[in-house]
Structures are given as C-alpha cells and as structure tokens.
Amino acid sequence: MTDMLTNDMRTTGQICAADLPDIARGAALLGTGGGGDPYLGRLLAERVLRERGPVDVVHPEQLPNDAVVVPVGVMGAPTVIVEKPLAGHEFRGALESLGAVLGRPVTHVACLEAGGLNSMTPIITAAETGLPLLDADGMGRAFPELQMVLPTLDGISASPMAMSDEKGNTVVLRTVDNGWSERLARSATVDMGCSAAIALYPMTGAQARTALVPGTLTLAGRLGEILRVARAEHADAAERIVEQMGGTVLFRGKVVDVERRTERGFARGLATLAGTGAHAGTEMMLAFQNEHLVAQVAGQVVASVPDLICVLDADTGEPVTTEAMRYGFRIAVLGLPCHPRWRSEAGLALAGPRYFGYDHDFVPVETLAAAR
C-alpha cells in the first residue's frame, strides 16, 4: 500500500492499482475461505483505479466525531458471484440510496469484512464516489451473516440498510434488530440472483473508532507481501504466516472430497483432506458456510469459529477459497487467533460454534494446539 506498508498503521496514504495484488491476497487469507473471489474483486478494482486514480486512506483515529462512516460489501453465495460478477455500479447505487435515507451525505467508506472480494468492494466504492476509505473493517475476518460484526456488540444498528443489484434494483431496509436485517436482506439477495451490493451500519466517526477493527487494509497488504515473498524465495508460506500472526499450522494434506451446495444464499459444504508428510495417515474434515467454520482431525476439533481457519495452496502459498477448493489440491490449513472481542461471551453468542449448530464450546486455537 503506497506509503503505508513500511509505516505505522496510523499513517494515512493512498491505494493505487499496484497495491491491489498484495491486499487482495492478504484479505483472502483473513477471509478464511469466504468473502468472495479475490481475483475477480481485484480485476474490478484495478479497472476503476486506473480510470479514476488512487483512493485516499484514513485511519479511524483521524476521523472527526461527526463523520458519517458506511461499510459496504457484497452479500450472497461466493459460488454464484463467480458466475455472475458485479457490473460495478451497484455500490454507488446502494451508497446514494442510503445517504438519501439518512438525510446527510456519507463522508467515509469502510470494509464490512476482511475477505477477498469484500476487501476490494470498498476500494471500488471509494474510487467511484471520491470518498476517503477507512483503514478498518467490521470483524477482522469474514463471517457468513451480516449481523456478525463488532458494531453489533456495540449496539449499532445495521439499518437503515441499502441493497442494489446489477439490474438497477434498490432496496432499503429498516429493521427491528440486526438479526432481522440478515433475514430480510438474505431473502432479497436470493431474489436478486444470490448476490447484491450492500451499504449498512451507518455510524459516526466516534462510533467507528471503537466498533471497527483498525488497520485491516494495512495488515492485509503486509500478509499479501509475506505470501508473495515466500513464493519468490521458495519458502514455507504457512510457517511465515503463523509466525507473523501467532497461529499454528493445523494440517498439511490433499483434498480427497468436497461436498458443496448453494442453500439460502450461502455456499455450504464439507471438505475431506488426507494427510501428507507429518500428517500422513490422518484425515481432516473442514466444514464451511461461505467461510471455514470448524476443522476436525480424527474426529477431534482442532479449530473453530470465531478463530480463523485459513487454507493455503501448498505449492504457491496462495489462499484457497471455499468455492475454489477442488479434489487433488495440496494444501496447508492454518489456525489463527481472532480479534479478542470475538472471544467474549457476547462475541461467542453471536458467532461461536454453537450459534452455527455445532455441539462443542469454543476453545482458542492456541490452547488446542498446546494440548496436541
């Protein structure tokens, strides 16, 4: 990221087209298999930045208290978004519709989540509108449901929320709580073809400073750079990432089966891996709902939400999304600690394993690793 990767995370700067490969790669890692296709998002963002120039980036601590900050993203099944890519105008439509409802102009754009495509959509929006981009996101990773953001823990409402599709349809929701925002927006997304641009969680600058995870874009750029350099040096990308993030390599193996289906606007499924090297003779099961939720080895949980379960191609070090995973892929599975607020009682109630229907309590990935 121009003038940012070598400086403090509080430094302002700009993002230009040349910065996007590292940011998209790092965000795909943080996206834990979800957040949409990073390559597709990067292509869209590159085109807009080359046409309109770089976007300005601001750290949350530099926001005025009365700023109007709006996160944006894409809602829908990643498998569908690959086949039905965005036209590009959807984000401006959603943002303008929301601004009209708010009765005051939006001053800053932010990432809803750190994911491949959804790390690029705010960049596209900032370039299209000329608004500055906040170096922050709503969760420090990607989650499948839109109420699963830290602003929910701060009592910030997802609505009014605006949605827009490639045909020009726009929907504005006012809901009683963020769970209903997810339910009603998911239904509208299905009718829109299982993908829609969304603008939601309008908040003040003062709220954004406490509710959002700061430095996400900078971190994504650094992680992407680590992966790129590791590949150039023929080094072990997985080991470099866990060293940087304080995580652990959970498993190395080959994909032997993937069960995948699109259901109610989600890509749901289960991947089976056969161990190689030190993990030969063992089997890992990866359950996902857009993002990887639970990893089990020999029937034992080795990582689960809200911690990050990340998959890298064993040869290239490139992050592998849930929709791209195929039979025969040789991969490394990483477990990385989540943002500390997700490990609180309220955070686990919102996005812990029991919320997704799994019959086990959350145990931090580093504790599980130590026990093994």
Protein backbone atom coordinates (compact mmCIF):
# COMPACT_ATOMS: atom_id res chain seq x y z
CA MET A 1 0.00 0.00 0.00
CA THR A 2 1.54 3.26 -1.07
CA ASP A 3 3.32 4.96 1.86
CA MET A 4 1.66 2.58 4.31
CA LEU A 5 3.28 -0.83 4.34
CA THR A 6 6.54 0.42 5.82
CA ASN A 7 4.97 2.96 8.16
CA ASP A 8 2.83 2.92 11.28
CA MET A 9 -0.76 1.71 10.83
CA ARG A 10 -2.00 5.18 11.82
CA THR A 11 -0.37 6.76 8.79
CA THR A 12 -2.62 7.99 6.03
CA GLY A 13 -1.81 7.16 2.44
CA GLN A 14 -3.29 6.06 -0.83
CA ILE A 15 -4.12 2.82 -2.54
CA CYS A 16 -3.28 2.55 -6.21
CA ALA A 17 -3.69 -0.30 -8.68
CA ALA A 18 -0.20 -1.65 -7.99
CA ASP A 19 -1.10 -2.20 -4.31
CA LEU A 20 -4.11 -4.41 -5.01
CA PRO A 21 -2.50 -7.84 -5.57
CA ASP A 22 -0.95 -7.89 -2.08
CA ILE A 23 -4.08 -6.50 -0.40
CA ALA A 24 -6.37 -8.97 -2.17
CA ARG A 25 -4.08 -11.90 -1.37
CA GLY A 26 -3.79 -10.97 2.30
CA ALA A 27 -7.50 -10.28 2.62
CA ALA A 28 -8.28 -13.65 1.04
CA LEU A 29 -6.21 -15.21 3.82
CA LEU A 30 -8.07 -13.24 6.52
CA GLY A 31 -11.35 -14.12 4.80
CA THR A 32 -10.99 -17.76 5.96
CA GLY A 33 -12.17 -19.09 2.61
CA GLY A 34 -15.03 -16.61 2.19
CA GLY A 35 -15.60 -13.01 1.27
CA GLY A 36 -15.80 -13.75 -2.45
CA ASP A 37 -13.28 -14.42 -5.21
CA PRO A 38 -10.20 -12.21 -4.57
CA TYR A 39 -9.06 -12.34 -8.21
CA LEU A 40 -12.40 -11.15 -9.52
CA GLY A 41 -12.55 -8.34 -6.98
CA ARG A 42 -9.02 -7.28 -7.80
CA LEU A 43 -9.76 -7.06 -11.52
CA LEU A 44 -12.79 -4.84 -10.89
CA ALA A 45 -10.84 -2.59 -8.52
CA GLU A 46 -7.83 -2.33 -10.85
CA ARG A 47 -10.04 -1.15 -13.69
CA VAL A 48 -11.67 1.55 -11.58
CA LEU A 49 -8.38 2.77 -10.07
CA ARG A 50 -6.74 3.01 -13.47
CA GLU A 51 -9.68 5.05 -14.73
CA ARG A 52 -10.11 7.32 -11.68
CA GLY A 53 -6.76 7.26 -9.88
CA PRO A 54 -5.79 6.20 -6.34
CA VAL A 55 -8.08 6.46 -3.32
CA ASP A 56 -7.21 8.23 -0.09
CA VAL A 57 -6.93 6.07 3.04
CA VAL A 58 -7.61 7.31 6.59
CA HIS A 59 -7.01 5.60 9.93
CA PRO A 60 -10.01 5.54 12.33
CA GLU A 61 -8.22 7.71 14.89
CA GLN A 62 -8.13 10.51 12.33
CA LEU A 63 -11.92 10.57 11.88
CA PRO A 64 -13.86 13.58 13.08
CA ASN A 65 -16.52 12.67 15.63
CA ASP A 66 -19.35 13.69 13.31
CA ALA A 67 -18.11 11.76 10.26
CA VAL A 68 -20.68 9.53 8.56
CA VAL A 69 -18.99 6.17 8.02
CA VAL A 70 -20.69 3.44 5.97
CA PRO A 71 -19.26 -0.06 5.43
CA VAL A 72 -20.02 -1.67 2.07
CA GLY A 73 -19.74 -5.17 0.67
CA VAL A 74 -21.34 -7.91 -1.36
CA MET A 75 -23.96 -10.21 0.12
CA GLY A 76 -24.58 -13.64 -1.36
CA ALA A 77 -23.10 -17.01 -2.19
CA PRO A 78 -19.46 -16.84 -3.38
CA THR A 79 -20.12 -19.67 -5.82
CA VAL A 80 -22.78 -17.55 -7.54
CA ILE A 81 -20.72 -14.34 -7.57
CA VAL A 82 -18.02 -16.12 -9.59
CA GLU A 83 -20.59 -16.94 -12.28
CA LYS A 84 -22.49 -13.63 -12.05
CA PRO A 85 -19.86 -10.95 -11.48
CA LEU A 86 -20.72 -7.43 -10.43
CA ALA A 87 -21.27 -4.74 -13.02
CA GLY A 88 -19.55 -2.17 -10.79
CA HIS A 89 -22.26 0.48 -10.43
CA GLU A 90 -24.11 -1.36 -7.67
CA PHE A 91 -22.07 0.14 -4.81
CA ARG A 92 -22.66 3.74 -5.82
CA GLY A 93 -26.38 3.00 -6.08
CA ALA A 94 -26.52 1.43 -2.61
CA LEU A 95 -24.48 4.23 -1.04
CA GLU A 96 -26.52 7.01 -2.64
CA SER A 97 -29.78 5.34 -1.59
CA LEU A 98 -28.57 5.08 1.99
CA GLY A 99 -27.36 8.68 2.05
CA ALA A 100 -30.77 9.84 0.86
CA VAL A 101 -32.47 7.96 3.70
CA LEU A 102 -30.01 9.26 6.29
CA GLY A 103 -30.62 12.83 5.17
CA ARG A 104 -26.92 13.67 5.26
CA PRO A 105 -24.04 12.76 2.96
CA VAL A 106 -21.75 9.81 3.63
CA THR A 107 -18.22 11.06 4.35
CA HIS A 108 -16.18 7.82 4.55
CA VAL A 109 -16.39 4.29 3.16
CA ALA A 110 -15.26 1.23 5.16
CA CYS A 111 -14.87 -2.53 4.70
CA LEU A 112 -17.64 -4.62 6.17
CA GLU A 113 -15.33 -7.63 6.39
CA ALA A 114 -11.82 -8.70 5.52
CA GLY A 115 -12.43 -11.04 2.61
CA GLY A 116 -11.12 -11.42 -0.91
CA LEU A 117 -13.84 -9.69 -2.93
CA ASN A 118 -15.19 -7.77 0.04
CA SER A 119 -11.81 -6.18 0.66
CA MET A 120 -11.96 -4.79 -2.87
CA THR A 121 -15.56 -3.51 -2.91
CA PRO A 122 -14.87 -0.54 -0.58
CA ILE A 123 -11.90 0.41 -2.77
CA ILE A 124 -14.15 0.33 -5.82
CA THR A 125 -16.77 2.39 -3.99
CA ALA A 126 -14.24 4.96 -2.79
CA ALA A 127 -12.84 5.34 -6.30
CA GLU A 128 -16.30 5.66 -7.86
CA THR A 129 -17.53 8.23 -5.32
CA GLY A 130 -14.32 10.10 -4.48
CA LEU A 131 -14.84 9.41 -0.77
CA PRO A 132 -11.89 8.53 1.51
CA LEU A 133 -11.53 4.89 2.55
CA LEU A 134 -11.18 3.88 6.18
CA ASP A 135 -8.30 1.52 7.06
CA ALA A 136 -10.56 -0.73 9.15
CA ASP A 137 -13.25 -3.39 8.89
CA GLY A 138 -16.14 -4.73 10.91
CA MET A 139 -14.74 -8.05 12.11
CA GLY A 140 -11.04 -8.66 11.30
CA ARG A 141 -12.01 -11.69 9.20
CA ALA A 142 -15.08 -12.77 7.19
CA PHE A 143 -18.34 -14.24 8.53
CA PRO A 144 -21.34 -15.56 6.60
CA GLU A 145 -24.10 -13.46 8.23
CA LEU A 146 -24.22 -9.68 8.26
CA GLN A 147 -25.11 -9.28 11.95
CA MET A 148 -21.78 -10.98 12.78
CA VAL A 149 -19.78 -7.77 13.12
CA LEU A 150 -18.28 -5.98 16.09
CA PRO A 151 -20.63 -2.98 15.64
CA THR A 152 -23.45 -5.32 16.68
CA LEU A 153 -21.67 -5.83 20.00
CA ASP A 154 -21.63 -2.02 20.39
CA GLY A 155 -25.37 -1.78 19.78
CA ILE A 156 -25.01 -0.13 16.35
CA SER A 157 -27.89 -0.90 14.02
CA ALA A 158 -27.33 -2.44 10.59
CA SER A 159 -30.25 -0.40 9.28
CA PRO A 160 -31.15 1.71 7.52
CA MET A 161 -29.51 -0.59 5.02
CA ALA A 162 -29.46 -0.25 1.24
CA MET A 163 -29.09 -3.03 -1.32
CA SER A 164 -28.56 -2.78 -5.07
CA ASP A 165 -28.21 -5.30 -7.90
CA GLU A 166 -26.73 -5.22 -11.40
CA LYS A 167 -30.15 -4.53 -12.94
CA GLY A 168 -30.55 -1.26 -11.04
CA ASN A 169 -32.99 -2.50 -8.40
CA THR A 170 -32.54 -0.89 -4.99
CA VAL A 171 -33.99 -1.98 -1.65
CA VAL A 172 -33.83 -0.01 1.60
CA LEU A 173 -34.49 -1.88 4.86
CA ARG A 174 -35.43 -0.58 8.29
CA THR A 175 -35.42 -3.46 10.76
CA VAL A 176 -36.04 -4.02 14.46
CA ASP A 177 -32.62 -5.59 15.02
CA ASN A 178 -29.57 -6.81 13.13
CA GLY A 179 -30.77 -10.40 13.05
CA TRP A 180 -33.83 -9.27 11.10
CA SER A 181 -31.56 -7.27 8.80
CA GLU A 182 -29.81 -10.53 7.92
CA ARG A 183 -33.06 -12.44 7.40
CA LEU A 184 -34.78 -9.86 5.22
CA ALA A 185 -31.64 -8.93 3.28
CA ARG A 186 -30.88 -12.60 2.64
CA SER A 187 -34.35 -13.10 1.15
CA ALA A 188 -33.92 -10.03 -1.07
CA THR A 189 -30.47 -11.23 -2.11
CA VAL A 190 -31.90 -14.55 -3.28
CA ASP A 191 -34.46 -12.68 -5.41
CA MET A 192 -31.67 -10.50 -6.79
CA GLY A 193 -29.89 -13.60 -8.09
CA CYS A 194 -27.99 -14.58 -4.92
CA SER A 195 -25.69 -11.55 -4.96
CA ALA A 196 -26.22 -7.88 -4.15
CA ALA A 197 -24.18 -4.82 -3.16
CA ILE A 198 -24.95 -3.61 0.35
CA ALA A 199 -24.33 -0.42 2.33
CA LEU A 200 -25.16 -0.66 6.03
CA TYR A 201 -24.19 0.02 9.66
CA PRO A 202 -24.06 3.81 9.22
CA MET A 203 -22.10 5.19 12.15
CA THR A 204 -20.39 8.31 13.37
CA GLY A 205 -16.64 8.73 13.43
CA ALA A 206 -16.69 8.37 17.22
CA GLN A 207 -18.53 5.06 16.92
CA ALA A 208 -16.23 3.80 14.17
CA ARG A 209 -13.15 4.34 16.30
CA THR A 210 -14.38 1.84 18.90
CA ALA A 211 -16.55 -0.53 16.83
CA LEU A 212 -14.27 -1.31 13.88
CA VAL A 213 -11.00 -3.25 13.72
CA PRO A 214 -8.29 -0.71 12.82
CA GLY A 215 -5.53 -1.29 10.28
CA THR A 216 -7.20 -4.12 8.37
CA LEU A 217 -6.17 -2.98 4.90
CA THR A 218 -2.62 -2.37 6.05
CA LEU A 219 -2.49 -5.83 7.64
CA ALA A 220 -3.90 -7.44 4.50
CA GLY A 221 -1.22 -5.75 2.41
CA ARG A 222 1.51 -6.96 4.75
CA LEU A 223 0.23 -10.54 4.76
CA GLY A 224 -0.07 -10.49 0.98
CA GLU A 225 3.51 -9.27 0.72
CA ILE A 226 4.67 -12.07 3.04
CA LEU A 227 2.97 -14.66 0.83
CA ARG A 228 4.39 -13.13 -2.35
CA VAL A 229 7.95 -13.00 -1.00
CA ALA A 230 7.72 -16.53 0.41
CA ARG A 231 6.76 -17.84 -3.02
CA ALA A 232 9.61 -15.95 -4.71
CA GLU A 233 12.07 -17.35 -2.16
CA HIS A 234 10.59 -20.88 -2.31
CA ALA A 235 9.98 -20.62 1.42
CA ASP A 236 7.22 -22.14 3.55
CA ALA A 237 4.44 -19.55 3.32
CA ALA A 238 2.35 -21.24 6.00
CA GLU A 239 5.14 -21.04 8.58
CA ARG A 240 5.78 -17.39 7.80
CA ILE A 241 2.13 -16.50 8.26
CA VAL A 242 1.72 -18.31 11.59
CA GLU A 243 4.92 -16.67 12.82
CA GLN A 244 3.52 -13.26 11.88
CA MET A 245 0.03 -13.87 13.30
CA GLY A 246 0.77 -16.07 16.30
CA GLY A 247 -1.11 -19.05 14.93
CA THR A 248 -0.35 -22.66 14.14
CA VAL A 249 -0.24 -24.98 11.13
CA LEU A 250 -3.12 -27.37 11.78
CA PHE A 251 -2.73 -29.80 8.90
CA ARG A 252 -1.00 -30.49 5.60
CA GLY A 253 -2.67 -32.75 3.11
CA LYS A 254 -4.52 -33.38 -0.12
CA VAL A 255 -8.18 -32.66 -0.84
CA VAL A 256 -9.87 -36.01 -1.50
CA ASP A 257 -13.51 -34.90 -1.49
CA VAL A 258 -15.59 -31.71 -1.47
CA GLU A 259 -19.34 -31.64 -0.90
CA ARG A 260 -20.69 -28.21 -1.83
CA ARG A 261 -24.17 -26.78 -2.29
CA THR A 262 -25.76 -23.35 -2.55
CA GLU A 263 -28.53 -23.04 0.03
CA ARG A 264 -30.47 -19.92 1.07
CA GLY A 265 -27.81 -17.64 -0.38
CA PHE A 266 -24.89 -19.47 1.26
CA ALA A 267 -22.24 -21.82 -0.09
CA ARG A 268 -22.34 -24.70 2.39
CA GLY A 269 -20.27 -27.86 2.41
CA LEU A 270 -17.64 -30.18 3.77
CA ALA A 271 -14.12 -30.85 2.53
CA THR A 272 -12.19 -34.03 3.36
CA LEU A 273 -8.38 -33.95 3.42
CA ALA A 274 -5.93 -36.84 3.56
CA GLY A 275 -2.78 -36.02 5.48
CA THR A 276 0.68 -35.87 3.95
CA GLY A 277 4.14 -35.67 5.49
CA ALA A 278 3.90 -35.46 9.27
CA HIS A 279 0.11 -35.79 8.98
CA ALA A 280 0.14 -38.91 6.80
CA GLY A 281 -2.38 -41.50 7.90
CA THR A 282 -4.77 -38.93 9.38
CA GLU A 283 -7.80 -37.16 7.95
CA MET A 284 -9.13 -33.64 8.38
CA MET A 285 -12.73 -32.51 7.88
CA LEU A 286 -13.37 -28.85 7.05
CA ALA A 287 -16.95 -27.63 7.43
CA PHE A 288 -17.84 -24.32 5.81
CA GLN A 289 -20.69 -21.87 5.30
CA ASN A 290 -19.09 -19.41 2.89
CA GLU A 291 -16.20 -19.37 5.41
CA HIS A 292 -14.48 -22.29 7.14
CA LEU A 293 -16.22 -22.84 10.46
CA VAL A 294 -14.79 -25.98 12.07
CA ALA A 295 -11.71 -28.14 11.46
CA GLN A 296 -11.54 -31.67 12.88
CA VAL A 297 -8.70 -34.20 12.79
CA ALA A 298 -9.54 -37.80 13.67
CA GLY A 299 -12.89 -36.57 14.97
CA GLN A 300 -11.34 -34.02 17.33
CA VAL A 301 -11.88 -30.28 16.91
CA VAL A 302 -8.56 -28.53 16.25
CA ALA A 303 -10.00 -25.09 15.41
CA SER A 304 -13.41 -23.45 15.20
CA VAL A 305 -15.11 -20.12 14.78
CA PRO A 306 -14.59 -17.38 15.69
CA ASP A 307 -10.87 -18.18 15.28
CA LEU A 308 -9.63 -18.09 11.70
CA ILE A 309 -9.26 -21.32 9.70
CA CYS A 310 -7.22 -20.45 6.61
CA VAL A 311 -6.24 -22.64 3.67
CA LEU A 312 -3.13 -22.09 1.53
CA ASP A 313 -2.03 -23.84 -1.62
CA ALA A 314 0.98 -25.92 -0.53
CA ASP A 315 2.97 -25.09 -3.67
CA THR A 316 2.17 -21.44 -4.37
CA GLY A 317 1.17 -20.16 -0.92
CA GLU A 318 -1.95 -18.60 -2.44
CA PRO A 319 -5.08 -18.58 -0.25
CA VAL A 320 -7.72 -21.10 -1.38
CA THR A 321 -11.37 -20.02 -1.11
CA THR A 322 -14.18 -22.43 -0.33
CA GLU A 323 -15.63 -22.11 -3.83
CA ALA A 324 -12.23 -22.77 -5.46
CA MET A 325 -11.27 -25.84 -3.41
CA ARG A 326 -11.16 -28.96 -5.60
CA TYR A 327 -10.18 -32.61 -5.48
CA GLY A 328 -6.42 -33.07 -5.66
CA PHE A 329 -5.42 -29.70 -4.21
CA ARG A 330 -2.42 -29.98 -1.91
CA ILE A 331 -2.95 -27.52 0.91
CA ALA A 332 -1.84 -26.31 4.31
CA VAL A 333 -4.53 -25.45 6.88
CA LEU A 334 -3.73 -22.72 9.38
CA GLY A 335 -5.40 -21.74 12.63
CA LEU A 336 -5.06 -18.06 13.57
CA PRO A 337 -6.43 -16.25 16.64
CA CYS A 338 -9.41 -13.96 16.06
CA HIS A 339 -9.89 -10.43 17.33
CA PRO A 340 -10.11 -10.60 21.17
CA ARG A 341 -13.66 -9.23 21.27
CA TRP A 342 -14.95 -12.32 19.46
CA ARG A 343 -13.83 -14.44 22.40
CA SER A 344 -16.08 -12.56 24.82
CA GLU A 345 -19.36 -14.09 25.95
CA ALA A 346 -21.32 -11.75 23.66
CA GLY A 347 -18.97 -12.41 20.74
CA LEU A 348 -19.31 -16.17 21.07
CA ALA A 349 -23.09 -15.91 21.32
CA LEU A 350 -23.05 -14.01 18.02
CA ALA A 351 -20.54 -16.08 16.07
CA GLY A 352 -19.33 -19.02 18.15
CA PRO A 353 -19.62 -22.71 17.19
CA ARG A 354 -22.93 -23.25 18.99
CA TYR A 355 -24.57 -20.47 17.00
CA PHE A 356 -23.84 -22.49 13.85
CA GLY A 357 -25.27 -25.65 15.39
CA TYR A 358 -22.06 -27.39 16.49
CA ASP A 359 -22.17 -29.27 19.77
CA HIS A 360 -18.96 -28.01 21.32
CA ASP A 361 -17.76 -24.95 23.18
CA PHE A 362 -15.16 -22.62 21.73
CA VAL A 363 -11.55 -23.27 22.75
CA PRO A 364 -8.82 -20.90 21.49
CA VAL A 365 -6.74 -22.36 18.68
CA GLU A 366 -3.52 -21.83 20.62
CA THR A 367 -4.92 -23.81 23.58
CA LEU A 368 -5.95 -26.68 21.31
CA ALA A 369 -2.51 -26.64 19.67
CA ALA A 370 -0.76 -26.79 23.04
CA ALA A 371 -2.94 -29.72 24.08
CA ARG A 372 -1.99 -31.66 20.94
